Amino acid sequence: NALRGELKRSADPVLYARLADLYLELGEEEMAQDLALSAVEKFPQSDGNYIVLGKIRARRFAVSHQAKDGFLAIQYFERAVELNRDNYRSLLTMAEILVEIGQRHRALQVLEQILRFAPNDPRARRLREKALRLPNADERFLEDAFRKYEELYRRGEGHRYNGYSPAERFLKEPILLKIKLSQ
């Protein structure tokens, strides 16, 4: 309520992003998305609301494995990174998604960007090792890579790239299990 009151008094992109992120954490995904989209229209040069939109789509992709959600997550995160080159969270989530769909070259590019400003980051280093073990089978167009991944996942072969079965993935990331159960 305090954030909503502040937002009414002064339209600030940071407040929009904080409130949208809060809605997202409370499970109010539609409210978060509506608020973030509204803020993006008003403040297209602020990265925070692109991050929220990317997080929403990344969560959806993690559960549904639909190409559209993954592709939009990458687009939102890329826009956030354009506005703030050192946006660690966006870069790391992009790299995780790219590794998930088997996009070795693209994932390594993103990870190198992280490792330039955080050379000892253990998460980025582990993800880089995982990316290096991927076959070099990048699609020319990212949308095609997402469609191919979605098709593999529908056929039960989606774990081919990420190395985890759906059950192992839910154990590794309990938030995904919670989201899936709520649906």
Protein backbone atom coordinates (compact mmCIF):
# COMPACT_ATOMS: atom_id res chain seq x y z
CA ASN A 1 0.00 0.00 0.00
CA ALA A 2 2.83 2.39 0.82
CA LEU A 3 4.41 1.84 -2.60
CA ARG A 4 1.08 2.39 -4.36
CA GLY A 5 0.64 5.65 -2.44
CA GLU A 6 4.13 6.78 -3.36
CA LEU A 7 3.51 5.87 -6.99
CA LYS A 8 0.36 8.03 -7.05
CA ARG A 9 2.32 10.98 -5.66
CA SER A 10 5.30 10.66 -7.98
CA ALA A 11 5.54 8.61 -11.15
CA ASP A 12 8.95 7.02 -10.78
CA PRO A 13 10.17 4.04 -12.87
CA VAL A 14 12.03 2.59 -9.88
CA LEU A 15 8.82 2.59 -7.81
CA TYR A 16 6.96 0.90 -10.67
CA ALA A 17 9.62 -1.80 -10.84
CA ARG A 18 9.66 -2.32 -7.06
CA LEU A 19 5.88 -2.62 -6.90
CA ALA A 20 5.73 -4.92 -9.95
CA ASP A 21 8.46 -7.10 -8.43
CA LEU A 22 6.55 -7.21 -5.15
CA TYR A 23 3.38 -8.31 -6.96
CA LEU A 24 5.42 -11.00 -8.70
CA GLU A 25 6.83 -12.26 -5.40
CA LEU A 26 3.28 -12.39 -3.98
CA GLY A 27 2.20 -14.53 -6.93
CA GLU A 28 0.18 -11.77 -8.60
CA GLU A 29 1.81 -12.30 -11.97
CA GLU A 30 -0.87 -10.53 -14.04
CA MET A 31 -0.77 -7.43 -11.81
CA ALA A 32 3.03 -7.42 -12.00
CA GLN A 33 2.96 -7.74 -15.78
CA ASP A 34 0.33 -5.02 -16.25
CA LEU A 35 2.21 -2.61 -14.01
CA ALA A 36 5.58 -3.32 -15.64
CA LEU A 37 4.15 -2.97 -19.16
CA SER A 38 2.58 0.35 -18.20
CA ALA A 39 5.91 1.54 -16.80
CA VAL A 40 7.80 0.44 -19.92
CA GLU A 41 5.47 2.61 -22.01
CA LYS A 42 6.02 5.61 -19.72
CA PHE A 43 9.72 5.07 -19.03
CA PRO A 44 11.30 3.10 -21.90
CA GLN A 45 14.84 4.07 -20.81
CA SER A 46 14.59 2.46 -17.36
CA ASP A 47 15.82 -1.12 -17.04
CA GLY A 48 13.91 -2.24 -13.91
CA ASN A 49 10.57 -2.93 -15.53
CA TYR A 50 12.17 -4.86 -18.39
CA ILE A 51 13.80 -7.03 -15.72
CA VAL A 52 10.42 -7.72 -14.10
CA LEU A 53 8.90 -8.61 -17.47
CA GLY A 54 11.88 -10.86 -18.21
CA LYS A 55 11.49 -12.60 -14.85
CA ILE A 56 7.79 -13.21 -15.53
CA ARG A 57 8.49 -14.76 -18.92
CA ALA A 58 11.47 -16.74 -17.59
CA ARG A 59 9.29 -18.24 -14.85
CA ARG A 60 6.63 -19.14 -17.38
CA PHE A 61 9.24 -20.71 -19.63
CA ALA A 62 10.66 -22.73 -16.74
CA VAL A 63 7.22 -24.23 -16.15
CA SER A 64 5.66 -24.42 -19.63
CA HIS A 65 8.75 -24.67 -21.87
CA GLN A 66 6.84 -22.66 -24.47
CA ALA A 67 9.02 -21.00 -27.08
CA LYS A 68 7.15 -17.70 -26.87
CA ASP A 69 7.87 -17.27 -23.15
CA GLY A 70 11.57 -18.08 -23.46
CA PHE A 71 12.02 -15.84 -26.47
CA LEU A 72 10.25 -12.91 -24.80
CA ALA A 73 12.26 -13.40 -21.60
CA ILE A 74 15.47 -13.10 -23.62
CA GLN A 75 14.17 -10.00 -25.42
CA TYR A 76 13.24 -8.26 -22.16
CA PHE A 77 16.56 -9.15 -20.52
CA GLU A 78 18.48 -8.00 -23.60
CA ARG A 79 16.72 -4.64 -23.42
CA ALA A 80 17.54 -4.35 -19.70
CA VAL A 81 21.19 -5.12 -20.48
CA GLU A 82 21.23 -2.53 -23.28
CA LEU A 83 20.21 0.03 -20.66
CA ASN A 84 22.58 -1.31 -17.97
CA ARG A 85 25.50 -3.36 -19.31
CA ASP A 86 26.42 -4.75 -15.89
CA ASN A 87 22.99 -6.10 -15.07
CA TYR A 88 24.12 -9.33 -13.44
CA ARG A 89 20.71 -10.87 -12.77
CA SER A 90 19.50 -10.35 -16.33
CA LEU A 91 22.71 -11.65 -17.84
CA LEU A 92 22.77 -14.73 -15.62
CA THR A 93 19.12 -15.59 -16.29
CA MET A 94 19.68 -15.14 -20.03
CA ALA A 95 22.68 -17.46 -19.88
CA GLU A 96 20.69 -20.08 -17.93
CA ILE A 97 17.91 -20.02 -20.54
CA LEU A 98 20.37 -20.19 -23.42
CA VAL A 99 22.14 -23.18 -21.87
CA GLU A 100 18.74 -24.78 -21.24
CA ILE A 101 17.88 -24.63 -24.94
CA GLY A 102 21.35 -25.69 -26.06
CA GLN A 103 22.56 -22.37 -27.45
CA ARG A 104 26.22 -22.86 -26.62
CA HIS A 105 27.72 -19.92 -28.50
CA ARG A 106 25.15 -17.37 -27.35
CA ALA A 107 25.33 -18.58 -23.74
CA LEU A 108 29.13 -18.33 -23.73
CA GLN A 109 28.96 -14.76 -25.07
CA VAL A 110 26.64 -13.74 -22.24
CA LEU A 111 28.73 -15.56 -19.65
CA GLU A 112 31.91 -13.86 -20.88
CA GLN A 113 30.16 -10.53 -20.36
CA ILE A 114 29.43 -11.49 -16.73
CA LEU A 115 32.93 -12.81 -16.15
CA ARG A 116 34.47 -9.55 -17.40
CA PHE A 117 33.09 -7.66 -14.40
CA ALA A 118 32.81 -10.63 -11.99
CA PRO A 119 35.66 -12.98 -12.96
CA ASN A 120 35.35 -15.19 -9.88
CA ASP A 121 31.57 -15.54 -9.85
CA PRO A 122 30.95 -19.22 -9.00
CA ARG A 123 27.48 -19.39 -10.61
CA ALA A 124 28.73 -17.93 -13.88
CA ARG A 125 31.77 -20.22 -13.85
CA ARG A 126 29.64 -23.36 -13.25
CA LEU A 127 27.24 -22.31 -15.99
CA ARG A 128 30.16 -21.65 -18.33
CA GLU A 129 31.47 -25.18 -17.72
CA LYS A 130 28.02 -26.55 -18.46
CA ALA A 131 27.80 -24.46 -21.66
CA LEU A 132 31.20 -25.69 -22.80
CA ARG A 133 29.93 -29.28 -22.58
CA LEU A 134 27.00 -28.54 -24.90
CA PRO A 135 27.22 -29.70 -28.50
CA ASN A 136 27.93 -26.88 -30.93
CA ALA A 137 24.48 -26.88 -32.50
CA ASP A 138 23.35 -23.26 -32.31
CA GLU A 139 20.41 -22.24 -34.43
CA ARG A 140 20.90 -19.20 -36.61
CA PHE A 141 17.70 -17.58 -35.33
CA LEU A 142 16.90 -17.65 -31.65
CA GLU A 143 13.18 -18.10 -32.29
CA ASP A 144 13.98 -21.30 -34.18
CA ALA A 145 16.07 -22.56 -31.27
CA PHE A 146 13.18 -21.99 -28.88
CA ARG A 147 10.71 -23.72 -31.21
CA LYS A 148 13.07 -26.68 -31.56
CA TYR A 149 13.48 -26.89 -27.78
CA GLU A 150 9.70 -26.70 -27.25
CA GLU A 151 9.18 -29.53 -29.71
CA LEU A 152 11.87 -31.66 -28.04
CA TYR A 153 10.29 -30.99 -24.67
CA ARG A 154 6.84 -32.01 -25.92
CA ARG A 155 8.31 -35.29 -27.15
CA GLY A 156 9.90 -35.87 -23.75
CA GLU A 157 13.42 -35.07 -24.91
CA GLY A 158 13.66 -31.56 -23.42
CA HIS A 159 16.10 -32.72 -20.81
CA ARG A 160 18.54 -33.49 -23.63
CA TYR A 161 20.24 -30.11 -23.25
CA ASN A 162 19.90 -29.31 -19.58
CA GLY A 163 20.94 -32.70 -18.26
CA TYR A 164 18.01 -33.00 -15.85
CA SER A 165 14.77 -34.93 -16.09
CA PRO A 166 11.63 -32.95 -15.13
CA ALA A 167 11.59 -34.70 -11.72
CA GLU A 168 15.24 -33.84 -11.07
CA ARG A 169 14.58 -30.27 -12.14
CA PHE A 170 11.74 -29.88 -9.63
CA LEU A 171 14.00 -31.20 -6.87
CA LYS A 172 16.80 -28.85 -7.94
CA GLU A 173 14.46 -25.84 -8.20
CA PRO A 174 11.55 -26.24 -5.71
CA ILE A 175 10.02 -22.93 -6.81
CA LEU A 176 9.24 -24.56 -10.16
CA LEU A 177 7.39 -27.37 -8.39
CA LYS A 178 5.40 -24.83 -6.39
CA ILE A 179 4.46 -22.92 -9.55
CA LYS A 180 3.53 -26.11 -11.41
CA LEU A 181 1.38 -27.34 -8.51
CA SER A 182 -0.44 -24.01 -8.25
CA GLN A 183 -1.46 -24.30 -11.89
